[in-house]
Amino acid sequence: MKRTFWFGLGVAAGVALTRKAAKSARQVTPAGLASNVGEAIRELAQAVGSFGADVRAGMSEREQELQEQVTRDTGISLRHQEVRSRAGKHAASARPDQRAVSRRAPRADA
């Protein structure tokens, strides 16, 4: 019984080591290295995306806090003024484009 146990243990250890060696050898090949680099880049991209989402969420929370503080301190709601200023900017930016189009000279080949 002892010999069978040790024989089985040796076979299991041999199979485990062979698989580990094959995996390590595969990682050293160009395809294995490319796979490792690809996985690392994917992980980095996910980390950067997650960081960006966290930053945007934090910025939004802080902006909300600041707007509430300004509204409390001054009684002026910034959201209403922000909507007006955005509408004014878009309306003002559309006018010069229309003038520039109308000032163009007619094409000679027309």
PDB file of N, CA and C in Angstrom:
ATOM      1  N   MET A   1       0.813  -1.186   0.000  1.00  0.00           N
ATOM      2  CA  MET A   1       0.000   0.000   0.000  1.00  0.00           C
ATOM      3  C   MET A   1       0.862   1.258   0.000  1.00  0.00           C
ATOM      4  N   LYS A   2       1.967   1.241   0.738  1.00  0.00           N
ATOM      5  CA  LYS A   2       2.858   2.402   0.775  1.00  0.00           C
ATOM      6  C   LYS A   2       3.414   2.699  -0.617  1.00  0.00           C
ATOM      7  N   ARG A   3       3.834   1.653  -1.317  1.00  0.00           N
ATOM      8  CA  ARG A   3       4.431   1.856  -2.643  1.00  0.00           C
ATOM      9  C   ARG A   3       3.407   2.433  -3.617  1.00  0.00           C
ATOM     10  N   THR A   4       2.191   1.968  -3.561  1.00  0.00           N
ATOM     11  CA  THR A   4       1.138   2.474  -4.448  1.00  0.00           C
ATOM     12  C   THR A   4       0.861   3.941  -4.151  1.00  0.00           C
ATOM     13  N   PHE A   5       0.803   4.307  -2.889  1.00  0.00           N
ATOM     14  CA  PHE A   5       0.582   5.696  -2.497  1.00  0.00           C
ATOM     15  C   PHE A   5       1.683   6.593  -3.049  1.00  0.00           C
ATOM     16  N   TRP A   6       2.937   6.212  -2.819  1.00  0.00           N
ATOM     17  CA  TRP A   6       4.061   7.034  -3.270  1.00  0.00           C
ATOM     18  C   TRP A   6       4.142   7.068  -4.787  1.00  0.00           C
ATOM     19  N   PHE A   7       3.789   5.958  -5.437  1.00  0.00           N
ATOM     20  CA  PHE A   7       3.777   5.937  -6.901  1.00  0.00           C
ATOM     21  C   PHE A   7       2.714   6.906  -7.427  1.00  0.00           C
ATOM     22  N   GLY A   8       1.528   6.864  -6.859  1.00  0.00           N
ATOM     23  CA  GLY A   8       0.441   7.770  -7.265  1.00  0.00           C
ATOM     24  C   GLY A   8       0.802   9.223  -7.004  1.00  0.00           C
ATOM     25  N   LEU A   9       1.414   9.470  -5.870  1.00  0.00           N
ATOM     26  CA  LEU A   9       1.845  10.831  -5.539  1.00  0.00           C
ATOM     27  C   LEU A   9       2.899  11.314  -6.529  1.00  0.00           C
ATOM     28  N   GLY A  10       3.809  10.442  -6.918  1.00  0.00           N
ATOM     29  CA  GLY A  10       4.838  10.803  -7.891  1.00  0.00           C
ATOM     30  C   GLY A  10       4.247  11.091  -9.261  1.00  0.00           C
ATOM     31  N   VAL A  11       3.274  10.296  -9.677  1.00  0.00           N
ATOM     32  CA  VAL A  11       2.607  10.525 -10.970  1.00  0.00           C
ATOM     33  C   VAL A  11       1.875  11.864 -10.947  1.00  0.00           C
ATOM     34  N   ALA A  12       1.138  12.137  -9.877  1.00  0.00           N
ATOM     35  CA  ALA A  12       0.402  13.402  -9.771  1.00  0.00           C
ATOM     36  C   ALA A  12       1.363  14.586  -9.793  1.00  0.00           C
ATOM     37  N   ALA A  13       2.474  14.473  -9.071  1.00  0.00           N
ATOM     38  CA  ALA A  13       3.460  15.551  -9.053  1.00  0.00           C
ATOM     39  C   ALA A  13       4.086  15.718 -10.430  1.00  0.00           C
ATOM     40  N   GLY A  14       4.364  14.623 -11.118  1.00  0.00           N
ATOM     41  CA  GLY A  14       4.951  14.691 -12.454  1.00  0.00           C
ATOM     42  C   GLY A  14       4.014  15.357 -13.445  1.00  0.00           C
ATOM     43  N   VAL A  15       2.729  15.019 -13.396  1.00  0.00           N
ATOM     44  CA  VAL A  15       1.745  15.637 -14.293  1.00  0.00           C
ATOM     45  C   VAL A  15       1.628  17.126 -14.003  1.00  0.00           C
ATOM     46  N   ALA A  16       1.569  17.498 -12.727  1.00  0.00           N
ATOM     47  CA  ALA A  16       1.453  18.908 -12.350  1.00  0.00           C
ATOM     48  C   ALA A  16       2.673  19.700 -12.812  1.00  0.00           C
ATOM     49  N   LEU A  17       3.858  19.154 -12.597  1.00  0.00           N
ATOM     50  CA  LEU A  17       5.075  19.855 -13.013  1.00  0.00           C
ATOM     51  C   LEU A  17       5.176  19.950 -14.526  1.00  0.00           C
ATOM     52  N   THR A  18       4.771  18.900 -15.237  1.00  0.00           N
ATOM     53  CA  THR A  18       4.809  18.929 -16.704  1.00  0.00           C
ATOM     54  C   THR A  18       3.875  20.003 -17.245  1.00  0.00           C
ATOM     55  N   ARG A  19       2.670  20.080 -16.691  1.00  0.00           N
ATOM     56  CA  ARG A  19       1.727  21.122 -17.135  1.00  0.00           C
ATOM     57  C   ARG A  19       2.255  22.515 -16.827  1.00  0.00           C
ATOM     58  N   LYS A  20       2.837  22.688 -15.665  1.00  0.00           N
ATOM     59  CA  LYS A  20       3.388  23.995 -15.293  1.00  0.00           C
ATOM     60  C   LYS A  20       4.542  24.383 -16.214  1.00  0.00           C
ATOM     61  N   ALA A  21       5.401  23.415 -16.532  1.00  0.00           N
ATOM     62  CA  ALA A  21       6.525  23.685 -17.433  1.00  0.00           C
ATOM     63  C   ALA A  21       6.034  24.027 -18.837  1.00  0.00           C
ATOM     64  N   ALA A  22       5.017  23.320 -19.309  1.00  0.00           N
ATOM     65  CA  ALA A  22       4.465  23.609 -20.643  1.00  0.00           C
ATOM     66  C   ALA A  22       3.840  25.000 -20.674  1.00  0.00           C
ATOM     67  N   LYS A  23       3.138  25.362 -19.608  1.00  0.00           N
ATOM     68  CA  LYS A  23       2.532  26.699 -19.529  1.00  0.00           C
ATOM     69  C   LYS A  23       3.611  27.779 -19.524  1.00  0.00           C
ATOM     70  N   SER A  24       4.667  27.564 -18.760  1.00  0.00           N
ATOM     71  CA  SER A  24       5.767  28.539 -18.708  1.00  0.00           C
ATOM     72  C   SER A  24       6.453  28.652 -20.057  1.00  0.00           C
ATOM     73  N   ALA A  25       6.650  27.524 -20.742  1.00  0.00           N
ATOM     74  CA  ALA A  25       7.293  27.543 -22.059  1.00  0.00           C
ATOM     75  C   ALA A  25       6.405  28.273 -23.067  1.00  0.00           C
ATOM     76  N   ARG A  26       5.083  28.095 -22.972  1.00  0.00           N
ATOM     77  CA  ARG A  26       4.155  28.757 -23.885  1.00  0.00           C
ATOM     78  C   ARG A  26       4.187  30.269 -23.678  1.00  0.00           C
ATOM     79  N   GLN A  27       4.389  30.713 -22.449  1.00  0.00           N
ATOM     80  CA  GLN A  27       4.416  32.151 -22.166  1.00  0.00           C
ATOM     81  C   GLN A  27       5.663  32.818 -22.729  1.00  0.00           C
ATOM     82  N   VAL A  28       6.718  32.056 -22.972  1.00  0.00           N
ATOM     83  CA  VAL A  28       7.963  32.626 -23.478  1.00  0.00           C
ATOM     84  C   VAL A  28       7.941  32.749 -24.997  1.00  0.00           C
ATOM     85  N   THR A  29       7.036  32.053 -25.668  1.00  0.00           N
ATOM     86  CA  THR A  29       6.949  32.150 -27.122  1.00  0.00           C
ATOM     87  C   THR A  29       6.419  33.522 -27.510  1.00  0.00           C
ATOM     88  N   PRO A  30       6.646  33.965 -28.755  1.00  0.00           N
ATOM     89  CA  PRO A  30       6.131  35.267 -29.189  1.00  0.00           C
ATOM     90  C   PRO A  30       4.610  35.391 -29.043  1.00  0.00           C
ATOM     91  N   ALA A  31       3.888  34.324 -29.358  1.00  0.00           N
ATOM     92  CA  ALA A  31       2.431  34.380 -29.215  1.00  0.00           C
ATOM     93  C   ALA A  31       2.043  34.519 -27.745  1.00  0.00           C
ATOM     94  N   GLY A  32       2.736  33.835 -26.875  1.00  0.00           N
ATOM     95  CA  GLY A  32       2.460  33.937 -25.445  1.00  0.00           C
ATOM     96  C   GLY A  32       2.770  35.318 -24.907  1.00  0.00           C
ATOM     97  N   LEU A  33       3.885  35.889 -25.366  1.00  0.00           N
ATOM     98  CA  LEU A  33       4.246  37.242 -24.930  1.00  0.00           C
ATOM     99  C   LEU A  33       3.215  38.255 -25.428  1.00  0.00           C
ATOM    100  N   ALA A  34       2.782  38.095 -26.677  1.00  0.00           N
ATOM    101  CA  ALA A  34       1.777  39.005 -27.233  1.00  0.00           C
ATOM    102  C   ALA A  34       0.474  38.900 -26.448  1.00  0.00           C
ATOM    103  N   SER A  35       0.117  37.683 -26.071  1.00  0.00           N
ATOM    104  CA  SER A  35      -1.097  37.489 -25.274  1.00  0.00           C
ATOM    105  C   SER A  35      -0.967  38.178 -23.925  1.00  0.00           C
ATOM    106  N   ASN A  36       0.190  38.044 -23.292  1.00  0.00           N
ATOM    107  CA  ASN A  36       0.408  38.693 -21.992  1.00  0.00           C
ATOM    108  C   ASN A  36       0.344  40.210 -22.109  1.00  0.00           C
ATOM    109  N   VAL A  37       0.949  40.743 -23.167  1.00  0.00           N
ATOM    110  CA  VAL A  37       0.929  42.193 -23.370  1.00  0.00           C
ATOM    111  C   VAL A  37      -0.493  42.659 -23.644  1.00  0.00           C
ATOM    112  N   GLY A  38      -1.212  41.898 -24.452  1.00  0.00           N
ATOM    113  CA  GLY A  38      -2.606  42.251 -24.752  1.00  0.00           C
ATOM    114  C   GLY A  38      -3.463  42.275 -23.499  1.00  0.00           C
ATOM    115  N   GLU A  39      -3.288  41.282 -22.642  1.00  0.00           N
ATOM    116  CA  GLU A  39      -4.045  41.245 -21.389  1.00  0.00           C
ATOM    117  C   GLU A  39      -3.672  42.423 -20.491  1.00  0.00           C
ATOM    118  N   ALA A  40      -2.394  42.745 -20.449  1.00  0.00           N
ATOM    119  CA  ALA A  40      -1.948  43.871 -19.619  1.00  0.00           C
ATOM    120  C   ALA A  40      -2.538  45.189 -20.123  1.00  0.00           C
ATOM    121  N   ILE A  41      -2.586  45.357 -21.435  1.00  0.00           N
ATOM    122  CA  ILE A  41      -3.143  46.586 -22.008  1.00  0.00           C
ATOM    123  C   ILE A  41      -4.642  46.661 -21.721  1.00  0.00           C
ATOM    124  N   ARG A  42      -5.352  45.541 -21.847  1.00  0.00           N
ATOM    125  CA  ARG A  42      -6.778  45.520 -21.537  1.00  0.00           C
ATOM    126  C   ARG A  42      -7.025  45.894 -20.073  1.00  0.00           C
ATOM    127  N   GLU A  43      -6.224  45.332 -19.182  1.00  0.00           N
ATOM    128  CA  GLU A  43      -6.374  45.656 -17.765  1.00  0.00           C
ATOM    129  C   GLU A  43      -6.092  47.127 -17.503  1.00  0.00           C
ATOM    130  N   LEU A  44      -5.067  47.669 -18.163  1.00  0.00           N
ATOM    131  CA  LEU A  44      -4.734  49.080 -18.002  1.00  0.00           C
ATOM    132  C   LEU A  44      -5.865  49.962 -18.523  1.00  0.00           C
ATOM    133  N   ALA A  45      -6.410  49.609 -19.679  1.00  0.00           N
ATOM    134  CA  ALA A  45      -7.510  50.389 -20.248  1.00  0.00           C
ATOM    135  C   ALA A  45      -8.727  50.370 -19.321  1.00  0.00           C
ATOM    136  N   GLN A  46      -9.022  49.216 -18.752  1.00  0.00           N
ATOM    137  CA  GLN A  46     -10.138  49.134 -17.810  1.00  0.00           C
ATOM    138  C   GLN A  46      -9.875  49.976 -16.572  1.00  0.00           C
ATOM    139  N   ALA A  47      -8.639  49.949 -16.084  1.00  0.00           N
ATOM    140  CA  ALA A  47      -8.297  50.736 -14.896  1.00  0.00           C
ATOM    141  C   ALA A  47      -8.408  52.233 -15.188  1.00  0.00           C
ATOM    142  N   VAL A  48      -7.936  52.653 -16.360  1.00  0.00           N
ATOM    143  CA  VAL A  48      -8.014  54.071 -16.731  1.00  0.00           C
ATOM    144  C   VAL A  48      -9.474  54.488 -16.894  1.00  0.00           C
ATOM    145  N   GLY A  49     -10.264  53.633 -17.543  1.00  0.00           N
ATOM    146  CA  GLY A  49     -11.681  53.939 -17.707  1.00  0.00           C
ATOM    147  C   GLY A  49     -12.397  54.037 -16.377  1.00  0.00           C
ATOM    148  N   SER A  50     -12.085  53.137 -15.467  1.00  0.00           N
ATOM    149  CA  SER A  50     -12.688  53.160 -14.139  1.00  0.00           C
ATOM    150  C   SER A  50     -12.266  54.414 -13.379  1.00  0.00           C
ATOM    151  N   PHE A  51     -10.996  54.766 -13.498  1.00  0.00           N
ATOM    152  CA  PHE A  51     -10.502  55.975 -12.840  1.00  0.00           C
ATOM    153  C   PHE A  51     -11.212  57.206 -13.397  1.00  0.00           C
ATOM    154  N   GLY A  52     -11.358  57.272 -14.708  1.00  0.00           N
ATOM    155  CA  GLY A  52     -12.047  58.401 -15.331  1.00  0.00           C
ATOM    156  C   GLY A  52     -13.493  58.508 -14.875  1.00  0.00           C
ATOM    157  N   ALA A  53     -14.163  57.369 -14.767  1.00  0.00           N
ATOM    158  CA  ALA A  53     -15.550  57.374 -14.297  1.00  0.00           C
ATOM    159  C   ALA A  53     -15.625  57.861 -12.854  1.00  0.00           C
ATOM    160  N   ASP A  54     -14.682  57.419 -12.038  1.00  0.00           N
ATOM    161  CA  ASP A  54     -14.654  57.866 -10.642  1.00  0.00           C
ATOM    162  C   ASP A  54     -14.399  59.371 -10.554  1.00  0.00           C
ATOM    163  N   VAL A  55     -13.501  59.873 -11.386  1.00  0.00           N
ATOM    164  CA  VAL A  55     -13.191  61.311 -11.378  1.00  0.00           C
ATOM    165  C   VAL A  55     -14.421  62.111 -11.810  1.00  0.00           C
ATOM    166  N   ARG A  56     -15.091  61.661 -12.885  1.00  0.00           N
ATOM    167  CA  ARG A  56     -16.290  62.370 -13.352  1.00  0.00           C
ATOM    168  C   ARG A  56     -17.381  62.359 -12.283  1.00  0.00           C
ATOM    169  N   ALA A  57     -17.555  61.225 -11.612  1.00  0.00           N
ATOM    170  CA  ALA A  57     -18.562  61.144 -10.553  1.00  0.00           C
ATOM    171  C   ALA A  57     -18.210  62.089  -9.408  1.00  0.00           C
ATOM    172  N   GLY A  58     -16.941  62.125  -9.037  1.00  0.00           N
ATOM    173  CA  GLY A  58     -16.500  63.029  -7.974  1.00  0.00           C
ATOM    174  C   GLY A  58     -16.677  64.488  -8.358  1.00  0.00           C
ATOM    175  N   MET A  59     -16.356  64.807  -9.622  1.00  0.00           N
ATOM    176  CA  MET A  59     -16.526  66.185 -10.088  1.00  0.00           C
ATOM    177  C   MET A  59     -17.995  66.595 -10.052  1.00  0.00           C
ATOM    178  N   SER A  60     -18.857  65.687 -10.477  1.00  0.00           N
ATOM    179  CA  SER A  60     -20.287  65.980 -10.483  1.00  0.00           C
ATOM    180  C   SER A  60     -20.805  66.203  -9.066  1.00  0.00           C
ATOM    181  N   GLU A  61     -20.378  65.346  -8.139  1.00  0.00           N
ATOM    182  CA  GLU A  61     -20.790  65.511  -6.744  1.00  0.00           C
ATOM    183  C   GLU A  61     -20.304  66.833  -6.180  1.00  0.00           C
ATOM    184  N   ARG A  62     -19.046  67.161  -6.448  1.00  0.00           N
ATOM    185  CA  ARG A  62     -18.474  68.408  -5.914  1.00  0.00           C
ATOM    186  C   ARG A  62     -19.162  69.612  -6.541  1.00  0.00           C
ATOM    187  N   GLU A  63     -19.455  69.554  -7.835  1.00  0.00           N
ATOM    188  CA  GLU A  63     -20.142  70.665  -8.488  1.00  0.00           C
ATOM    189  C   GLU A  63     -21.519  70.872  -7.862  1.00  0.00           C
ATOM    190  N   GLN A  64     -22.210  69.774  -7.602  1.00  0.00           N
ATOM    191  CA  GLN A  64     -23.524  69.865  -6.961  1.00  0.00           C
ATOM    192  C   GLN A  64     -23.402  70.500  -5.577  1.00  0.00           C
ATOM    193  N   GLU A  65     -22.394  70.081  -4.806  1.00  0.00           N
ATOM    194  CA  GLU A  65     -22.185  70.654  -3.474  1.00  0.00           C
ATOM    195  C   GLU A  65     -21.923  72.155  -3.561  1.00  0.00           C
ATOM    196  N   LEU A  66     -21.074  72.549  -4.513  1.00  0.00           N
ATOM    197  CA  LEU A  66     -20.749  73.968  -4.652  1.00  0.00           C
ATOM    198  C   LEU A  66     -21.961  74.776  -5.091  1.00  0.00           C
ATOM    199  N   GLN A  67     -22.751  74.236  -6.007  1.00  0.00           N
ATOM    200  CA  GLN A  67     -23.945  74.950  -6.442  1.00  0.00           C
ATOM    201  C   GLN A  67     -24.938  75.112  -5.303  1.00  0.00           C
ATOM    202  N   GLU A  68     -25.089  74.073  -4.483  1.00  0.00           N
ATOM    203  CA  GLU A  68     -25.983  74.178  -3.329  1.00  0.00           C
ATOM    204  C   GLU A  68     -25.472  75.210  -2.336  1.00  0.00           C
ATOM    205  N   GLN A  69     -24.154  75.265  -2.140  1.00  0.00           N
ATOM    206  CA  GLN A  69     -23.581  76.231  -1.207  1.00  0.00           C
ATOM    207  C   GLN A  69     -23.783  77.654  -1.714  1.00  0.00           C
ATOM    208  N   VAL A  70     -23.570  77.875  -3.002  1.00  0.00           N
ATOM    209  CA  VAL A  70     -23.768  79.212  -3.566  1.00  0.00           C
ATOM    210  C   VAL A  70     -25.230  79.610  -3.452  1.00  0.00           C
ATOM    211  N   THR A  71     -26.129  78.675  -3.729  1.00  0.00           N
ATOM    212  CA  THR A  71     -27.560  78.962  -3.623  1.00  0.00           C
ATOM    213  C   THR A  71     -27.928  79.296  -2.182  1.00  0.00           C
ATOM    214  N   ARG A  72     -27.374  78.557  -1.212  1.00  0.00           N
ATOM    215  CA  ARG A  72     -27.640  78.841   0.203  1.00  0.00           C
ATOM    216  C   ARG A  72     -27.092  80.204   0.609  1.00  0.00           C
ATOM    217  N   ASP A  73     -25.856  80.502   0.172  1.00  0.00           N
ATOM    218  CA  ASP A  73     -25.196  81.738   0.611  1.00  0.00           C
ATOM    219  C   ASP A  73     -25.758  82.982  -0.075  1.00  0.00           C
ATOM    220  N   THR A  74     -26.079  82.871  -1.358  1.00  0.00           N
ATOM    221  CA  THR A  74     -26.493  84.062  -2.108  1.00  0.00           C
ATOM    222  C   THR A  74     -27.966  84.072  -2.466  1.00  0.00           C
ATOM    223  N   GLY A  75     -28.585  82.922  -2.464  1.00  0.00           N
ATOM    224  CA  GLY A  75     -29.990  82.848  -2.873  1.00  0.00           C
ATOM    225  C   GLY A  75     -30.152  82.808  -4.374  1.00  0.00           C
ATOM    226  N   ILE A  76     -29.052  82.734  -5.123  1.00  0.00           N
ATOM    227  CA  ILE A  76     -29.094  82.708  -6.581  1.00  0.00           C
ATOM    228  C   ILE A  76     -28.911  81.263  -7.040  1.00  0.00           C
ATOM    229  N   SER A  77     -29.814  80.806  -7.891  1.00  0.00           N
ATOM    230  CA  SER A  77     -29.709  79.451  -8.417  1.00  0.00           C
ATOM    231  C   SER A  77     -28.823  79.477  -9.658  1.00  0.00           C
ATOM    232  N   LEU A  78     -27.724  78.753  -9.614  1.00  0.00           N
ATOM    233  CA  LEU A  78     -26.788  78.749 -10.738  1.00  0.00           C
ATOM    234  C   LEU A  78     -27.300  77.928 -11.911  1.00  0.00           C
ATOM    235  N   ARG A  79     -28.108  76.949 -11.674  1.00  0.00           N
ATOM    236  CA  ARG A  79     -28.601  76.098 -12.755  1.00  0.00           C
ATOM    237  C   ARG A  79     -29.413  76.920 -13.748  1.00  0.00           C
ATOM    238  N   HIS A  80     -30.246  77.835 -13.270  1.00  0.00           N
ATOM    239  CA  HIS A  80     -31.068  78.645 -14.165  1.00  0.00           C
ATOM    240  C   HIS A  80     -30.183  79.556 -15.019  1.00  0.00           C
ATOM    241  N   GLN A  81     -29.160  80.172 -14.424  1.00  0.00           N
ATOM    242  CA  GLN A  81     -28.258  81.042 -15.167  1.00  0.00           C
ATOM    243  C   GLN A  81     -27.410  80.246 -16.148  1.00  0.00           C
ATOM    244  N   GLU A  82     -27.034  79.035 -15.765  1.00  0.00           N
ATOM    245  CA  GLU A  82     -26.215  78.201 -16.637  1.00  0.00           C
ATOM    246  C   GLU A  82     -26.976  77.861 -17.915  1.00  0.00           C
ATOM    247  N   VAL A  83     -28.246  77.572 -17.801  1.00  0.00           N
ATOM    248  CA  VAL A  83     -29.070  77.259 -18.969  1.00  0.00           C
ATOM    249  C   VAL A  83     -29.149  78.477 -19.876  1.00  0.00           C
ATOM    250  N   ARG A  84     -29.337  79.664 -19.291  1.00  0.00           N
ATOM    251  CA  ARG A  84     -29.400  80.896 -20.094  1.00  0.00           C
ATOM    252  C   ARG A  84     -28.085  81.161 -20.813  1.00  0.00           C
ATOM    253  N   SER A  85     -26.970  81.009 -20.097  1.00  0.00           N
ATOM    254  CA  SER A  85     -25.679  81.318 -20.705  1.00  0.00           C
ATOM    255  C   SER A  85     -25.358  80.332 -21.825  1.00  0.00           C
ATOM    256  N   ARG A  86     -25.730  79.071 -21.670  1.00  0.00           N
ATOM    257  CA  ARG A  86     -25.496  78.106 -22.740  1.00  0.00           C
ATOM    258  C   ARG A  86     -26.333  78.434 -23.959  1.00  0.00           C
ATOM    259  N   ALA A  87     -27.570  78.820 -23.759  1.00  0.00           N
ATOM    260  CA  ALA A  87     -28.433  79.170 -24.886  1.00  0.00           C
ATOM    261  C   ALA A  87     -27.888  80.400 -25.596  1.00  0.00           C
ATOM    262  N   GLY A  88     -27.398  81.364 -24.838  1.00  0.00           N
ATOM    263  CA  GLY A  88     -26.828  82.568 -25.447  1.00  0.00           C
ATOM    264  C   GLY A  88     -25.575  82.267 -26.245  1.00  0.00           C
ATOM    265  N   LYS A  89     -24.744  81.384 -25.748  1.00  0.00           N
ATOM    266  CA  LYS A  89     -23.518  81.030 -26.456  1.00  0.00           C
ATOM    267  C   LYS A  89     -23.829  80.333 -27.766  1.00  0.00           C
ATOM    268  N   HIS A  90     -24.798  79.425 -27.748  1.00  0.00           N
ATOM    269  CA  HIS A  90     -25.134  78.702 -28.971  1.00  0.00           C
ATOM    270  C   HIS A  90     -25.761  79.637 -29.996  1.00  0.00           C
ATOM    271  N   ALA A  91     -26.613  80.537 -29.549  1.00  0.00           N
ATOM    272  CA  ALA A  91     -27.250  81.468 -30.470  1.00  0.00           C
ATOM    273  C   ALA A  91     -26.217  82.418 -31.060  1.00  0.00           C
ATOM    274  N   ALA A  92     -25.279  82.887 -30.237  1.00  0.00           N
ATOM    275  CA  ALA A  92     -24.257  83.817 -30.722  1.00  0.00           C
ATOM    276  C   ALA A  92     -23.289  83.127 -31.671  1.00  0.00           C
ATOM    277  N   SER A  93     -22.986  81.873 -31.413  1.00  0.00           N
ATOM    278  CA  SER A  93     -22.026  81.190 -32.267  1.00  0.00           C
ATOM    279  C   SER A  93     -22.630  80.824 -33.617  1.00  0.00           C
ATOM    280  N   ALA A  94     -23.941  80.749 -33.729  1.00  0.00           N
ATOM    281  CA  ALA A  94     -24.569  80.398 -34.999  1.00  0.00           C
ATOM    282  C   ALA A  94     -24.567  81.578 -35.953  1.00  0.00           C
ATOM    283  N   ARG A  95     -24.631  82.781 -35.471  1.00  0.00           N
ATOM    284  CA  ARG A  95     -24.720  83.964 -36.336  1.00  0.00           C
ATOM    285  C   ARG A  95     -23.488  84.170 -37.214  1.00  0.00           C
ATOM    286  N   PRO A  96     -22.269  84.132 -36.671  1.00  0.00           N
ATOM    287  CA  PRO A  96     -21.120  84.357 -37.543  1.00  0.00           C
ATOM    288  C   PRO A  96     -21.000  83.301 -38.645  1.00  0.00           C
ATOM    289  N   ASP A  97     -21.372  82.070 -38.354  1.00  0.00           N
ATOM    290  CA  ASP A  97     -21.293  81.037 -39.377  1.00  0.00           C
ATOM    291  C   ASP A  97     -22.223  81.346 -40.535  1.00  0.00           C
ATOM    292  N   GLN A  98     -23.419  81.851 -40.235  1.00  0.00           N
ATOM    293  CA  GLN A  98     -24.376  82.178 -41.289  1.00  0.00           C
ATOM    294  C   GLN A  98     -23.877  83.349 -42.123  1.00  0.00           C
ATOM    295  N   ARG A  99     -23.266  84.333 -41.481  1.00  0.00           N
ATOM    296  CA  ARG A  99     -22.723  85.480 -42.218  1.00  0.00           C
ATOM    297  C   ARG A  99     -21.581  85.044 -43.122  1.00  0.00           C
ATOM    298  N   ALA A 100     -20.723  84.164 -42.616  1.00  0.00           N
ATOM    299  CA  ALA A 100     -19.579  83.716 -43.400  1.00  0.00           C
ATOM    300  C   ALA A 100     -20.045  82.967 -44.639  1.00  0.00           C
ATOM    301  N   VAL A 101     -21.083  82.207 -44.526  1.00  0.00           N
ATOM    302  CA  VAL A 101     -21.597  81.468 -45.678  1.00  0.00           C
ATOM    303  C   VAL A 101     -22.153  82.437 -46.705  1.00  0.00           C
ATOM    304  N   SER A 102     -22.870  83.465 -46.267  1.00  0.00           N
ATOM    305  CA  SER A 102     -23.499  84.390 -47.204  1.00  0.00           C
ATOM    306  C   SER A 102     -22.477  85.317 -47.863  1.00  0.00           C
ATOM    307  N   ARG A 103     -21.297  85.511 -47.294  1.00  0.00           N
ATOM    308  CA  ARG A 103     -20.285  86.407 -47.860  1.00  0.00           C
ATOM    309  C   ARG A 103     -19.420  85.738 -48.911  1.00  0.00           C
ATOM    310  N   ARG A 104     -19.514  84.441 -49.058  1.00  0.00           N
ATOM    311  CA  ARG A 104     -18.664  83.761 -50.028  1.00  0.00           C
ATOM    312  C   ARG A 104     -19.004  84.199 -51.444  1.00  0.00           C
ATOM    313  N   ALA A 105     -17.972  84.298 -52.231  1.00  0.00           N
ATOM    314  CA  ALA A 105     -18.142  84.677 -53.634  1.00  0.00           C
ATOM    315  C   ALA A 105     -18.722  83.496 -54.411  1.00  0.00           C
ATOM    316  N   PRO A 106     -19.489  83.765 -55.442  1.00  0.00           N
ATOM    317  CA  PRO A 106     -20.027  82.665 -56.251  1.00  0.00           C
ATOM    318  C   PRO A 106     -18.884  81.911 -56.936  1.00  0.00           C
ATOM    319  N   ARG A 107     -19.084  80.645 -57.138  1.00  0.00           N
ATOM    320  CA  ARG A 107     -18.054  79.836 -57.781  1.00  0.00           C
ATOM    321  C   ARG A 107     -18.005  80.155 -59.259  1.00  0.00           C
ATOM    322  N   ALA A 108     -16.820  80.165 -59.818  1.00  0.00           N
ATOM    323  CA  ALA A 108     -16.631  80.511 -61.229  1.00  0.00           C
ATOM    324  C   ALA A 108     -17.154  79.413 -62.159  1.00  0.00           C
ATOM    325  N   ASP A 109     -17.111  78.175 -61.722  1.00  0.00           N
ATOM    326  CA  ASP A 109     -17.543  77.073 -62.599  1.00  0.00           C
ATOM    327  C   ASP A 109     -19.044  76.837 -62.545  1.00  0.00           C
ATOM    328  N   ALA A 110     -19.767  77.613 -61.751  1.00  0.00           N
ATOM    329  CA  ALA A 110     -21.220  77.394 -61.633  1.00  0.00           C
ATOM    330  C   ALA A 110     -21.994  78.091 -62.695  1.00  0.00           C
TER     331      ALA A 110
END
